[in-house]
Amino acid sequence: MAAKTATFNSIMSDLRARKFSPIYILMGEEAYYIDKIADYVAENALTPEERDFNQTVVYGLDTTAAQVADMARRFPMMAEYQVIIVKEAQNIQSLDALEKYLKAPVASTILVWCHKNGTIDRRKKVVALAASSGVVFESKKMRDYELPSFIENYMKERNVGIDYKATQMIADHIGSDLYRLTSELEKIFITLSDSNRMVTPEIVEEKIGVSKDFNTFELRNVIVRKDVLKANQIINYFDKNPKTGSIYSMLPNLFSLFQNLMILHYAPKKHTDADIAAALDVKPGWGTKEYAIAMRNYSPRKTMDIIAKIRETDAKSKGLDNPNTPAGELMKELIFFILH
């Protein structure tokens, strides 16, 4: 099967349909998707009986591309395929032997090349050869704004619903470490009853330990509405409980809010949920209503000033032009500037 550069979902769809490629170059900064693909091949391409003679796992520190190519040229024993999985392949220096192999790959070999913590230079012939005869996949780090969709889809695949606020609480509290994120989601799954498959903020508070009333999502919510009292309550709570909301989790969240708000202020169409969703390339829903309120509460000039203040606070939080102001005071100063 020949394929172009692929997505995680398209690869998994083909694997489930047993449409195997002779080569999978899996590379990138996000190890989660690389491992998911490699693990699926390891567990499903061959039967347990076939694996004994036809499945080989090697590590980059312990092997060379030439050795892998020699293994790949073998034929399977009493099976349709042989599987070779190269883990930590970024530790293999020369890819000349792999390049030579990919000019005439063996159709009965499934070679999975797992290159983590970076990518192979796409200008190298090995990448083009792999794309022409198999699959090249770059696993990119998930951005913060993509986390809610990831959580919702992860839940949906397990026939579990999740409240919008609960989704945001989890995303803001855990961040883009997908291994930790999925581990926390699994903790929630095992506690749900068959009669109630809905995750609420109360469940997130109980099982993950993030307050449903004092979290970065709730802070963003009250800032949008200019609720000064509640915003100060949350900031004071963060200051006394640093693990619940640090300046490093708060700043990206607020920057995203006001950056998108600036886009909307100058968008040609911004009057309906559909207009807002189109301008920001998001799904209509609670989030679009949030921006509609924010546009009424923050003028373009004020929005621009807030973005500048967030940048200044970020620099100070990293020690630039700030000899001794603690993070808690920087947070309070920023929130005061935003709300007044």
C-alpha atoms as a PDB file:
ATOM      1  CA  MET A   1       0.000   0.000   0.000  1.00  0.00           C
ATOM      2  CA  ALA A   2       1.478   3.346  -1.027  1.00  0.00           C
ATOM      3  CA  ALA A   3       0.705   6.386   1.079  1.00  0.00           C
ATOM      4  CA  LYS A   4       1.537  10.034   1.463  1.00  0.00           C
ATOM      5  CA  THR A   5       2.373  11.838   4.708  1.00  0.00           C
ATOM      6  CA  ALA A   6      -0.394  10.709   7.025  1.00  0.00           C
ATOM      7  CA  THR A   7      -2.376  11.723  10.112  1.00  0.00           C
ATOM      8  CA  PHE A   8      -2.704   9.671  13.267  1.00  0.00           C
ATOM      9  CA  ASN A   9      -6.366   8.922  12.556  1.00  0.00           C
ATOM     10  CA  SER A  10      -5.754   7.862   8.956  1.00  0.00           C
ATOM     11  CA  ILE A  11      -2.920   5.561  10.024  1.00  0.00           C
ATOM     12  CA  MET A  12      -5.005   3.956  12.767  1.00  0.00           C
ATOM     13  CA  SER A  13      -7.934   3.526  10.395  1.00  0.00           C
ATOM     14  CA  ASP A  14      -5.729   1.655   7.910  1.00  0.00           C
ATOM     15  CA  LEU A  15      -4.143  -0.448  10.646  1.00  0.00           C
ATOM     16  CA  ARG A  16      -7.532  -1.498  11.991  1.00  0.00           C
ATOM     17  CA  ALA A  17      -8.486  -2.487   8.442  1.00  0.00           C
ATOM     18  CA  ARG A  18      -5.204  -4.452   8.243  1.00  0.00           C
ATOM     19  CA  LYS A  19      -3.902  -2.270   5.438  1.00  0.00           C
ATOM     20  CA  PHE A  20      -0.242  -2.433   6.385  1.00  0.00           C
ATOM     21  CA  SER A  21       2.621  -0.492   4.819  1.00  0.00           C
ATOM     22  CA  PRO A  22       6.151  -1.849   4.456  1.00  0.00           C
ATOM     23  CA  ILE A  23       7.581   1.204   6.250  1.00  0.00           C
ATOM     24  CA  TYR A  24       6.344   3.601   8.934  1.00  0.00           C
ATOM     25  CA  ILE A  25       8.568   6.568   9.708  1.00  0.00           C
ATOM     26  CA  LEU A  26       7.131   7.922  12.969  1.00  0.00           C
ATOM     27  CA  MET A  27       8.898  11.049  14.177  1.00  0.00           C
ATOM     28  CA  GLY A  28       8.330  14.191  16.196  1.00  0.00           C
ATOM     29  CA  GLU A  29       8.214  15.843  19.594  1.00  0.00           C
ATOM     30  CA  GLU A  30       5.034  14.100  20.838  1.00  0.00           C
ATOM     31  CA  ALA A  31       5.931  10.553  21.885  1.00  0.00           C
ATOM     32  CA  TYR A  32       2.327   9.627  22.717  1.00  0.00           C
ATOM     33  CA  TYR A  33       1.150   9.136  19.128  1.00  0.00           C
ATOM     34  CA  ILE A  34       4.379   7.428  18.056  1.00  0.00           C
ATOM     35  CA  ASP A  35       3.974   4.883  20.849  1.00  0.00           C
ATOM     36  CA  LYS A  36       0.264   4.361  20.144  1.00  0.00           C
ATOM     37  CA  ILE A  37       0.937   3.450  16.516  1.00  0.00           C
ATOM     38  CA  ALA A  38       3.951   1.255  17.288  1.00  0.00           C
ATOM     39  CA  ASP A  39       2.099  -0.522  20.103  1.00  0.00           C
ATOM     40  CA  TYR A  40      -0.908  -1.190  17.893  1.00  0.00           C
ATOM     41  CA  VAL A  41       1.281  -2.781  15.218  1.00  0.00           C
ATOM     42  CA  ALA A  42       3.097  -4.834  17.846  1.00  0.00           C
ATOM     43  CA  GLU A  43      -0.151  -6.120  19.347  1.00  0.00           C
ATOM     44  CA  ASN A  44      -2.257  -6.627  16.234  1.00  0.00           C
ATOM     45  CA  ALA A  45      -0.245  -7.210  13.046  1.00  0.00           C
ATOM     46  CA  LEU A  46       0.626 -10.786  14.054  1.00  0.00           C
ATOM     47  CA  THR A  47      -1.058 -13.443  16.122  1.00  0.00           C
ATOM     48  CA  PRO A  48       0.610 -14.398  19.432  1.00  0.00           C
ATOM     49  CA  GLU A  49       1.911 -17.587  17.818  1.00  0.00           C
ATOM     50  CA  GLU A  50       3.381 -15.722  14.840  1.00  0.00           C
ATOM     51  CA  ARG A  51       5.211 -13.174  17.007  1.00  0.00           C
ATOM     52  CA  ASP A  52       7.720 -15.677  18.377  1.00  0.00           C
ATOM     53  CA  PHE A  53       9.496 -16.001  15.034  1.00  0.00           C
ATOM     54  CA  ASN A  54       8.338 -12.894  13.155  1.00  0.00           C
ATOM     55  CA  GLN A  55       8.428  -9.916  15.506  1.00  0.00           C
ATOM     56  CA  THR A  56      11.630  -8.122  16.477  1.00  0.00           C
ATOM     57  CA  VAL A  57      12.044  -5.037  18.685  1.00  0.00           C
ATOM     58  CA  VAL A  58      15.407  -3.255  18.707  1.00  0.00           C
ATOM     59  CA  TYR A  59      16.696   0.009  20.178  1.00  0.00           C
ATOM     60  CA  GLY A  60      18.647   2.739  18.446  1.00  0.00           C
ATOM     61  CA  LEU A  61      21.513   2.691  20.919  1.00  0.00           C
ATOM     62  CA  ASP A  62      22.034  -1.033  20.354  1.00  0.00           C
ATOM     63  CA  THR A  63      21.733  -1.339  16.591  1.00  0.00           C
ATOM     64  CA  THR A  64      22.573   0.268  13.227  1.00  0.00           C
ATOM     65  CA  ALA A  65      20.549   1.052  10.141  1.00  0.00           C
ATOM     66  CA  ALA A  66      22.515  -1.635   8.292  1.00  0.00           C
ATOM     67  CA  GLN A  67      21.495  -4.271  10.841  1.00  0.00           C
ATOM     68  CA  VAL A  68      17.869  -3.183  10.641  1.00  0.00           C
ATOM     69  CA  ALA A  69      17.958  -3.298   6.838  1.00  0.00           C
ATOM     70  CA  ASP A  70      19.380  -6.829   6.920  1.00  0.00           C
ATOM     71  CA  MET A  71      16.570  -7.937   9.252  1.00  0.00           C
ATOM     72  CA  ALA A  72      13.978  -6.237   7.050  1.00  0.00           C
ATOM     73  CA  ARG A  73      15.110  -8.214   4.000  1.00  0.00           C
ATOM     74  CA  ARG A  74      14.283 -11.526   5.638  1.00  0.00           C
ATOM     75  CA  PHE A  75      11.042 -13.300   4.872  1.00  0.00           C
ATOM     76  CA  PRO A  76       8.470 -14.295   7.488  1.00  0.00           C
ATOM     77  CA  MET A  77       8.244 -17.826   8.855  1.00  0.00           C
ATOM     78  CA  MET A  78       4.777 -19.377   8.520  1.00  0.00           C
ATOM     79  CA  ALA A  79       3.132 -15.957   8.570  1.00  0.00           C
ATOM     80  CA  GLU A  80       2.056 -13.279   6.102  1.00  0.00           C
ATOM     81  CA  TYR A  81       4.289 -10.605   7.636  1.00  0.00           C
ATOM     82  CA  GLN A  82       7.283 -10.051   9.806  1.00  0.00           C
ATOM     83  CA  VAL A  83       7.313  -6.970  12.073  1.00  0.00           C
ATOM     84  CA  ILE A  84      10.411  -4.982  13.013  1.00  0.00           C
ATOM     85  CA  ILE A  85      10.042  -2.116  15.477  1.00  0.00           C
ATOM     86  CA  VAL A  86      12.978   0.243  15.977  1.00  0.00           C
ATOM     87  CA  LYS A  87      12.549   2.234  19.192  1.00  0.00           C
ATOM     88  CA  GLU A  88      14.569   5.353  20.037  1.00  0.00           C
ATOM     89  CA  ALA A  89      15.678   5.423  16.397  1.00  0.00           C
ATOM     90  CA  GLN A  90      16.918   8.998  16.784  1.00  0.00           C
ATOM     91  CA  ASN A  91      20.067   7.461  18.288  1.00  0.00           C
ATOM     92  CA  ILE A  92      21.019   5.868  14.947  1.00  0.00           C
ATOM     93  CA  GLN A  93      23.434   8.232  13.248  1.00  0.00           C
ATOM     94  CA  SER A  94      23.732   7.108   9.622  1.00  0.00           C
ATOM     95  CA  LEU A  95      20.590   6.288   7.627  1.00  0.00           C
ATOM     96  CA  ASP A  96      22.377   5.341   4.393  1.00  0.00           C
ATOM     97  CA  ALA A  97      21.540   1.641   4.757  1.00  0.00           C
ATOM     98  CA  LEU A  98      17.876   2.435   5.463  1.00  0.00           C
ATOM     99  CA  GLU A  99      17.781   4.679   2.402  1.00  0.00           C
ATOM    100  CA  LYS A 100      19.181   1.865   0.271  1.00  0.00           C
ATOM    101  CA  TYR A 101      16.629  -0.608   1.683  1.00  0.00           C
ATOM    102  CA  LEU A 102      13.707   1.743   1.002  1.00  0.00           C
ATOM    103  CA  LYS A 103      14.534   1.808  -2.699  1.00  0.00           C
ATOM    104  CA  ALA A 104      13.228  -1.783  -2.805  1.00  0.00           C
ATOM    105  CA  PRO A 105      11.426  -2.577   0.484  1.00  0.00           C
ATOM    106  CA  VAL A 106      10.191  -6.113   1.133  1.00  0.00           C
ATOM    107  CA  ALA A 107       6.394  -6.213   0.930  1.00  0.00           C
ATOM    108  CA  SER A 108       6.097  -8.867   3.654  1.00  0.00           C
ATOM    109  CA  THR A 109       8.031  -6.736   6.169  1.00  0.00           C
ATOM    110  CA  ILE A 110       6.367  -4.112   8.365  1.00  0.00           C
ATOM    111  CA  LEU A 111       9.168  -1.824   9.532  1.00  0.00           C
ATOM    112  CA  VAL A 112       8.234   0.732  12.202  1.00  0.00           C
ATOM    113  CA  TRP A 113      10.905   3.388  12.730  1.00  0.00           C
ATOM    114  CA  CYS A 114      10.270   5.406  15.937  1.00  0.00           C
ATOM    115  CA  HIS A 115      12.285   8.648  15.915  1.00  0.00           C
ATOM    116  CA  LYS A 116      11.417  10.738  18.987  1.00  0.00           C
ATOM    117  CA  ASN A 117      12.357  14.180  20.304  1.00  0.00           C
ATOM    118  CA  GLY A 118      12.667  15.691  16.852  1.00  0.00           C
ATOM    119  CA  THR A 119      12.327  14.900  13.172  1.00  0.00           C
ATOM    120  CA  ILE A 120      14.433  13.512  10.376  1.00  0.00           C
ATOM    121  CA  ASP A 121      15.420  16.264   7.954  1.00  0.00           C
ATOM    122  CA  ARG A 122      12.727  16.092   5.269  1.00  0.00           C
ATOM    123  CA  ARG A 123      15.298  17.002   2.651  1.00  0.00           C
ATOM    124  CA  LYS A 124      16.952  13.630   3.147  1.00  0.00           C
ATOM    125  CA  LYS A 125      16.106  11.005   0.538  1.00  0.00           C
ATOM    126  CA  VAL A 126      15.107   8.515   3.227  1.00  0.00           C
ATOM    127  CA  VAL A 127      11.991  10.562   4.065  1.00  0.00           C
ATOM    128  CA  ALA A 128      10.885  10.888   0.431  1.00  0.00           C
ATOM    129  CA  LEU A 129      11.491   7.179  -0.178  1.00  0.00           C
ATOM    130  CA  ALA A 130       9.480   6.242   2.897  1.00  0.00           C
ATOM    131  CA  ALA A 131       6.611   8.512   1.836  1.00  0.00           C
ATOM    132  CA  SER A 132       6.531   6.976  -1.652  1.00  0.00           C
ATOM    133  CA  SER A 133       6.379   3.367  -0.444  1.00  0.00           C
ATOM    134  CA  GLY A 134       4.788   3.692   2.978  1.00  0.00           C
ATOM    135  CA  VAL A 135       3.909   6.165   5.716  1.00  0.00           C
ATOM    136  CA  VAL A 136       5.655   9.229   7.104  1.00  0.00           C
ATOM    137  CA  PHE A 137       4.054  10.704  10.208  1.00  0.00           C
ATOM    138  CA  GLU A 138       5.163  13.719  12.230  1.00  0.00           C
ATOM    139  CA  SER A 139       3.814  13.673  15.775  1.00  0.00           C
ATOM    140  CA  LYS A 140       3.630  17.307  16.838  1.00  0.00           C
ATOM    141  CA  LYS A 141       3.235  18.590  20.370  1.00  0.00           C
ATOM    142  CA  MET A 142      -0.392  19.366  21.052  1.00  0.00           C
ATOM    143  CA  ARG A 143      -1.171  23.038  21.514  1.00  0.00           C
ATOM    144  CA  ASP A 144      -3.198  24.198  24.483  1.00  0.00           C
ATOM    145  CA  TYR A 145      -6.211  25.162  22.377  1.00  0.00           C
ATOM    146  CA  GLU A 146      -6.320  21.619  20.940  1.00  0.00           C
ATOM    147  CA  LEU A 147      -6.567  19.906  24.338  1.00  0.00           C
ATOM    148  CA  PRO A 148     -10.353  20.289  24.847  1.00  0.00           C
ATOM    149  CA  SER A 149     -11.049  18.546  21.525  1.00  0.00           C
ATOM    150  CA  PHE A 150      -8.575  15.799  22.416  1.00  0.00           C
ATOM    151  CA  ILE A 151     -10.322  15.250  25.769  1.00  0.00           C
ATOM    152  CA  GLU A 152     -13.792  15.245  24.209  1.00  0.00           C
ATOM    153  CA  ASN A 153     -12.764  12.742  21.520  1.00  0.00           C
ATOM    154  CA  TYR A 154     -10.988  10.530  24.050  1.00  0.00           C
ATOM    155  CA  MET A 155     -14.188  10.444  26.109  1.00  0.00           C
ATOM    156  CA  LYS A 156     -16.409   9.899  23.086  1.00  0.00           C
ATOM    157  CA  GLU A 157     -14.405   6.845  22.023  1.00  0.00           C
ATOM    158  CA  ARG A 158     -15.273   5.335  25.408  1.00  0.00           C
ATOM    159  CA  ASN A 159     -18.944   6.356  25.246  1.00  0.00           C
ATOM    160  CA  VAL A 160     -18.495   8.940  27.985  1.00  0.00           C
ATOM    161  CA  GLY A 161     -19.848  12.480  27.897  1.00  0.00           C
ATOM    162  CA  ILE A 162     -18.149  15.474  29.486  1.00  0.00           C
ATOM    163  CA  ASP A 163     -19.351  18.890  30.548  1.00  0.00           C
ATOM    164  CA  TYR A 164     -17.690  21.854  28.798  1.00  0.00           C
ATOM    165  CA  LYS A 165     -16.448  23.325  32.058  1.00  0.00           C
ATOM    166  CA  ALA A 166     -15.088  19.938  33.179  1.00  0.00           C
ATOM    167  CA  THR A 167     -13.176  19.683  29.898  1.00  0.00           C
ATOM    168  CA  GLN A 168     -11.577  23.074  30.393  1.00  0.00           C
ATOM    169  CA  MET A 169     -10.744  22.341  34.032  1.00  0.00           C
ATOM    170  CA  ILE A 170      -8.855  19.197  33.038  1.00  0.00           C
ATOM    171  CA  ALA A 171      -7.071  20.855  30.107  1.00  0.00           C
ATOM    172  CA  ASP A 172      -5.972  23.862  32.170  1.00  0.00           C
ATOM    173  CA  HIS A 173      -4.907  21.820  35.196  1.00  0.00           C
ATOM    174  CA  ILE A 174      -2.955  19.066  33.438  1.00  0.00           C
ATOM    175  CA  GLY A 175      -1.744  20.711  30.235  1.00  0.00           C
ATOM    176  CA  SER A 176      -0.316  19.053  27.138  1.00  0.00           C
ATOM    177  CA  ASP A 177       1.449  16.065  28.718  1.00  0.00           C
ATOM    178  CA  LEU A 178      -0.709  13.499  26.919  1.00  0.00           C
ATOM    179  CA  TYR A 179       0.538  10.566  28.978  1.00  0.00           C
ATOM    180  CA  ARG A 180      -0.415  12.278  32.219  1.00  0.00           C
ATOM    181  CA  LEU A 181      -3.641  13.581  30.688  1.00  0.00           C
ATOM    182  CA  THR A 182      -4.840  10.175  29.507  1.00  0.00           C
ATOM    183  CA  SER A 183      -3.795   8.620  32.818  1.00  0.00           C
ATOM    184  CA  GLU A 184      -6.007  11.075  34.700  1.00  0.00           C
ATOM    185  CA  LEU A 185      -8.890  10.460  32.288  1.00  0.00           C
ATOM    186  CA  GLU A 186      -8.576   6.717  32.857  1.00  0.00           C
ATOM    187  CA  LYS A 187      -8.855   7.320  36.615  1.00  0.00           C
ATOM    188  CA  ILE A 188     -12.167   9.025  35.967  1.00  0.00           C
ATOM    189  CA  PHE A 189     -13.458   6.246  33.672  1.00  0.00           C
ATOM    190  CA  ILE A 190     -13.074   3.496  36.247  1.00  0.00           C
ATOM    191  CA  THR A 191     -15.152   5.434  38.788  1.00  0.00           C
ATOM    192  CA  LEU A 192     -18.147   6.029  36.495  1.00  0.00           C
ATOM    193  CA  SER A 193     -21.179   3.822  36.903  1.00  0.00           C
ATOM    194  CA  ASP A 194     -22.945   2.159  33.982  1.00  0.00           C
ATOM    195  CA  SER A 195     -25.984   4.350  34.642  1.00  0.00           C
ATOM    196  CA  ASN A 196     -24.083   7.655  34.689  1.00  0.00           C
ATOM    197  CA  ARG A 197     -21.504   8.158  31.932  1.00  0.00           C
ATOM    198  CA  MET A 198     -21.219  11.937  32.221  1.00  0.00           C
ATOM    199  CA  VAL A 199     -18.180  13.733  33.632  1.00  0.00           C
ATOM    200  CA  THR A 200     -19.082  16.894  35.559  1.00  0.00           C
ATOM    201  CA  PRO A 201     -16.959  19.580  37.257  1.00  0.00           C
ATOM    202  CA  GLU A 202     -17.808  17.929  40.584  1.00  0.00           C
ATOM    203  CA  ILE A 203     -16.326  14.625  39.407  1.00  0.00           C
ATOM    204  CA  VAL A 204     -13.196  16.381  38.131  1.00  0.00           C
ATOM    205  CA  GLU A 205     -12.815  18.150  41.480  1.00  0.00           C
ATOM    206  CA  GLU A 206     -13.161  14.863  43.378  1.00  0.00           C
ATOM    207  CA  LYS A 207     -11.027  12.604  41.186  1.00  0.00           C
ATOM    208  CA  ILE A 208      -8.334  14.946  39.844  1.00  0.00           C
ATOM    209  CA  GLY A 209      -8.181  17.413  42.705  1.00  0.00           C
ATOM    210  CA  VAL A 210      -8.792  20.693  40.898  1.00  0.00           C
ATOM    211  CA  SER A 211     -11.340  23.027  42.508  1.00  0.00           C
ATOM    212  CA  LYS A 212     -14.481  23.578  40.446  1.00  0.00           C
ATOM    213  CA  ASP A 213     -14.696  27.160  41.738  1.00  0.00           C
ATOM    214  CA  PHE A 214     -11.046  28.218  41.842  1.00  0.00           C
ATOM    215  CA  ASN A 215      -9.215  27.298  38.641  1.00  0.00           C
ATOM    216  CA  THR A 216      -7.796  29.026  35.556  1.00  0.00           C
ATOM    217  CA  PHE A 217     -10.920  28.285  33.522  1.00  0.00           C
ATOM    218  CA  GLU A 218     -13.107  29.991  36.132  1.00  0.00           C
ATOM    219  CA  LEU A 219     -10.681  32.916  36.285  1.00  0.00           C
ATOM    220  CA  ARG A 220     -10.945  33.387  32.529  1.00  0.00           C
ATOM    221  CA  ASN A 221     -14.733  33.166  32.799  1.00  0.00           C
ATOM    222  CA  VAL A 222     -14.996  35.940  35.411  1.00  0.00           C
ATOM    223  CA  ILE A 223     -12.491  38.134  33.562  1.00  0.00           C
ATOM    224  CA  VAL A 224     -14.643  37.910  30.434  1.00  0.00           C
ATOM    225  CA  ARG A 225     -17.604  39.103  32.505  1.00  0.00           C
ATOM    226  CA  LYS A 226     -15.539  41.681  34.451  1.00  0.00           C
ATOM    227  CA  ASP A 227     -16.543  40.141  37.787  1.00  0.00           C
ATOM    228  CA  VAL A 228     -13.978  41.975  39.919  1.00  0.00           C
ATOM    229  CA  LEU A 229     -14.942  40.383  43.250  1.00  0.00           C
ATOM    230  CA  LYS A 230     -14.781  36.793  42.024  1.00  0.00           C
ATOM    231  CA  ALA A 231     -11.561  37.422  40.066  1.00  0.00           C
ATOM    232  CA  ASN A 232      -9.848  38.721  43.195  1.00  0.00           C
ATOM    233  CA  GLN A 233     -11.114  35.760  45.217  1.00  0.00           C
ATOM    234  CA  ILE A 234      -9.601  33.349  42.677  1.00  0.00           C
ATOM    235  CA  ILE A 235      -6.264  35.205  42.483  1.00  0.00           C
ATOM    236  CA  ASN A 236      -5.988  35.265  46.293  1.00  0.00           C
ATOM    237  CA  TYR A 237      -6.780  31.553  46.363  1.00  0.00           C
ATOM    238  CA  PHE A 238      -4.033  30.894  43.792  1.00  0.00           C
ATOM    239  CA  ASP A 239      -1.593  32.975  45.823  1.00  0.00           C
ATOM    240  CA  LYS A 240      -2.256  30.902  48.950  1.00  0.00           C
ATOM    241  CA  ASN A 241      -2.398  27.600  47.028  1.00  0.00           C
ATOM    242  CA  PRO A 242       0.279  27.850  44.298  1.00  0.00           C
ATOM    243  CA  LYS A 243      -0.292  24.295  43.049  1.00  0.00           C
ATOM    244  CA  THR A 244      -3.872  25.118  42.035  1.00  0.00           C
ATOM    245  CA  GLY A 245      -2.998  27.916  39.599  1.00  0.00           C
ATOM    246  CA  SER A 246       0.438  29.241  38.819  1.00  0.00           C
ATOM    247  CA  ILE A 247       1.338  32.285  36.791  1.00  0.00           C
ATOM    248  CA  TYR A 248       2.829  29.938  34.170  1.00  0.00           C
ATOM    249  CA  SER A 249      -0.527  28.255  33.527  1.00  0.00           C
ATOM    250  CA  MET A 250      -2.506  31.484  33.777  1.00  0.00           C
ATOM    251  CA  LEU A 251      -0.555  33.654  31.326  1.00  0.00           C
ATOM    252  CA  PRO A 252      -0.913  31.452  28.197  1.00  0.00           C
ATOM    253  CA  ASN A 253      -4.630  31.103  28.919  1.00  0.00           C
ATOM    254  CA  LEU A 254      -5.152  34.853  29.190  1.00  0.00           C
ATOM    255  CA  PHE A 255      -2.922  35.618  26.228  1.00  0.00           C
ATOM    256  CA  SER A 256      -4.969  33.236  24.066  1.00  0.00           C
ATOM    257  CA  LEU A 257      -8.195  34.904  25.201  1.00  0.00           C
ATOM    258  CA  PHE A 258      -7.121  38.448  24.358  1.00  0.00           C
ATOM    259  CA  GLN A 259      -5.216  37.511  21.215  1.00  0.00           C
ATOM    260  CA  ASN A 260      -8.393  35.925  19.837  1.00  0.00           C
ATOM    261  CA  LEU A 261     -10.392  38.897  21.045  1.00  0.00           C
ATOM    262  CA  MET A 262      -8.129  41.224  19.031  1.00  0.00           C
ATOM    263  CA  ILE A 263      -8.707  39.059  15.947  1.00  0.00           C
ATOM    264  CA  LEU A 264     -12.459  39.387  16.446  1.00  0.00           C
ATOM    265  CA  HIS A 265     -12.392  43.140  16.949  1.00  0.00           C
ATOM    266  CA  TYR A 266     -10.991  43.507  13.428  1.00  0.00           C
ATOM    267  CA  ALA A 267     -12.858  40.634  11.794  1.00  0.00           C
ATOM    268  CA  PRO A 268     -15.236  41.728   8.990  1.00  0.00           C
ATOM    269  CA  LYS A 269     -18.031  39.536  10.377  1.00  0.00           C
ATOM    270  CA  LYS A 270     -18.407  38.958  14.132  1.00  0.00           C
ATOM    271  CA  HIS A 271     -22.078  39.315  15.037  1.00  0.00           C
ATOM    272  CA  THR A 272     -23.242  35.701  15.348  1.00  0.00           C
ATOM    273  CA  ASP A 273     -21.890  32.526  16.927  1.00  0.00           C
ATOM    274  CA  ALA A 274     -21.189  31.238  13.420  1.00  0.00           C
ATOM    275  CA  ASP A 275     -19.258  34.427  12.514  1.00  0.00           C
ATOM    276  CA  ILE A 276     -17.112  34.169  15.661  1.00  0.00           C
ATOM    277  CA  ALA A 277     -16.479  30.459  15.148  1.00  0.00           C
ATOM    278  CA  ALA A 278     -15.421  31.050  11.543  1.00  0.00           C
ATOM    279  CA  ALA A 279     -13.090  33.925  12.456  1.00  0.00           C
ATOM    280  CA  LEU A 280     -11.350  31.881  15.164  1.00  0.00           C
ATOM    281  CA  ASP A 281     -11.619  28.492  13.444  1.00  0.00           C
ATOM    282  CA  VAL A 282     -13.419  26.901  16.415  1.00  0.00           C
ATOM    283  CA  LYS A 283     -16.698  25.086  16.926  1.00  0.00           C
ATOM    284  CA  PRO A 284     -19.754  27.216  17.766  1.00  0.00           C
ATOM    285  CA  GLY A 285     -20.854  26.847  21.360  1.00  0.00           C
ATOM    286  CA  TRP A 286     -20.023  28.094  24.816  1.00  0.00           C
ATOM    287  CA  GLY A 287     -16.658  29.477  23.737  1.00  0.00           C
ATOM    288  CA  THR A 288     -18.133  31.689  21.030  1.00  0.00           C
ATOM    289  CA  LYS A 289     -20.644  33.138  23.492  1.00  0.00           C
ATOM    290  CA  GLU A 290     -17.722  33.925  25.798  1.00  0.00           C
ATOM    291  CA  TYR A 291     -16.064  36.006  23.086  1.00  0.00           C
ATOM    292  CA  ALA A 292     -19.294  37.821  22.278  1.00  0.00           C
ATOM    293  CA  ILE A 293     -19.445  38.994  25.915  1.00  0.00           C
ATOM    294  CA  ALA A 294     -15.737  39.888  25.963  1.00  0.00           C
ATOM    295  CA  MET A 295     -16.078  42.088  22.863  1.00  0.00           C
ATOM    296  CA  ARG A 296     -18.659  44.172  24.726  1.00  0.00           C
ATOM    297  CA  ASN A 297     -16.501  44.478  27.837  1.00  0.00           C
ATOM    298  CA  TYR A 298     -13.087  45.154  26.266  1.00  0.00           C
ATOM    299  CA  SER A 299     -12.488  47.699  23.529  1.00  0.00           C
ATOM    300  CA  PRO A 300      -9.848  47.170  20.818  1.00  0.00           C
ATOM    301  CA  ARG A 301      -7.567  49.724  22.531  1.00  0.00           C
ATOM    302  CA  LYS A 302      -7.946  48.077  25.937  1.00  0.00           C
ATOM    303  CA  THR A 303      -7.417  44.637  24.423  1.00  0.00           C
ATOM    304  CA  MET A 304      -4.170  45.773  22.822  1.00  0.00           C
ATOM    305  CA  ASP A 305      -2.979  47.266  26.126  1.00  0.00           C
ATOM    306  CA  ILE A 306      -3.826  44.043  27.966  1.00  0.00           C
ATOM    307  CA  ILE A 307      -1.812  41.968  25.498  1.00  0.00           C
ATOM    308  CA  ALA A 308       1.161  44.262  26.064  1.00  0.00           C
ATOM    309  CA  LYS A 309       0.715  43.948  29.829  1.00  0.00           C
ATOM    310  CA  ILE A 310       0.576  40.152  29.624  1.00  0.00           C
ATOM    311  CA  ARG A 311       3.844  40.159  27.659  1.00  0.00           C
ATOM    312  CA  GLU A 312       5.417  42.453  30.272  1.00  0.00           C
ATOM    313  CA  THR A 313       4.208  40.188  33.108  1.00  0.00           C
ATOM    314  CA  ASP A 314       5.545  37.124  31.340  1.00  0.00           C
ATOM    315  CA  ALA A 315       8.970  38.734  31.025  1.00  0.00           C
ATOM    316  CA  LYS A 316       8.973  39.781  34.685  1.00  0.00           C
ATOM    317  CA  SER A 317       7.908  36.288  35.794  1.00  0.00           C
ATOM    318  CA  LYS A 318      11.095  35.040  34.130  1.00  0.00           C
ATOM    319  CA  GLY A 319      13.270  37.570  35.959  1.00  0.00           C
ATOM    320  CA  LEU A 320      13.586  40.264  33.285  1.00  0.00           C
ATOM    321  CA  ASP A 321      13.511  43.791  34.785  1.00  0.00           C
ATOM    322  CA  ASN A 322      12.159  42.264  37.975  1.00  0.00           C
ATOM    323  CA  PRO A 323      14.635  41.841  40.822  1.00  0.00           C
ATOM    324  CA  ASN A 324      12.272  40.668  43.556  1.00  0.00           C
ATOM    325  CA  THR A 325       8.508  40.948  42.838  1.00  0.00           C
ATOM    326  CA  PRO A 326       6.953  37.538  43.658  1.00  0.00           C
ATOM    327  CA  ALA A 327       4.714  35.718  41.165  1.00  0.00           C
ATOM    328  CA  GLY A 328       1.624  36.216  43.309  1.00  0.00           C
ATOM    329  CA  GLU A 329       2.021  39.993  43.241  1.00  0.00           C
ATOM    330  CA  LEU A 330       2.616  39.966  39.484  1.00  0.00           C
ATOM    331  CA  MET A 331      -0.637  38.024  39.035  1.00  0.00           C
ATOM    332  CA  LYS A 332      -2.609  40.457  41.179  1.00  0.00           C
ATOM    333  CA  GLU A 333      -1.132  43.452  39.361  1.00  0.00           C
ATOM    334  CA  LEU A 334      -2.046  41.959  35.979  1.00  0.00           C
ATOM    335  CA  ILE A 335      -5.626  41.129  36.954  1.00  0.00           C
ATOM    336  CA  PHE A 336      -6.112  44.633  38.372  1.00  0.00           C
ATOM    337  CA  PHE A 337      -4.849  46.138  35.101  1.00  0.00           C
ATOM    338  CA  ILE A 338      -7.167  43.934  33.022  1.00  0.00           C
ATOM    339  CA  LEU A 339     -10.292  44.693  35.057  1.00  0.00           C
ATOM    340  CA  HIS A 340      -9.826  48.457  35.486  1.00  0.00           C
END
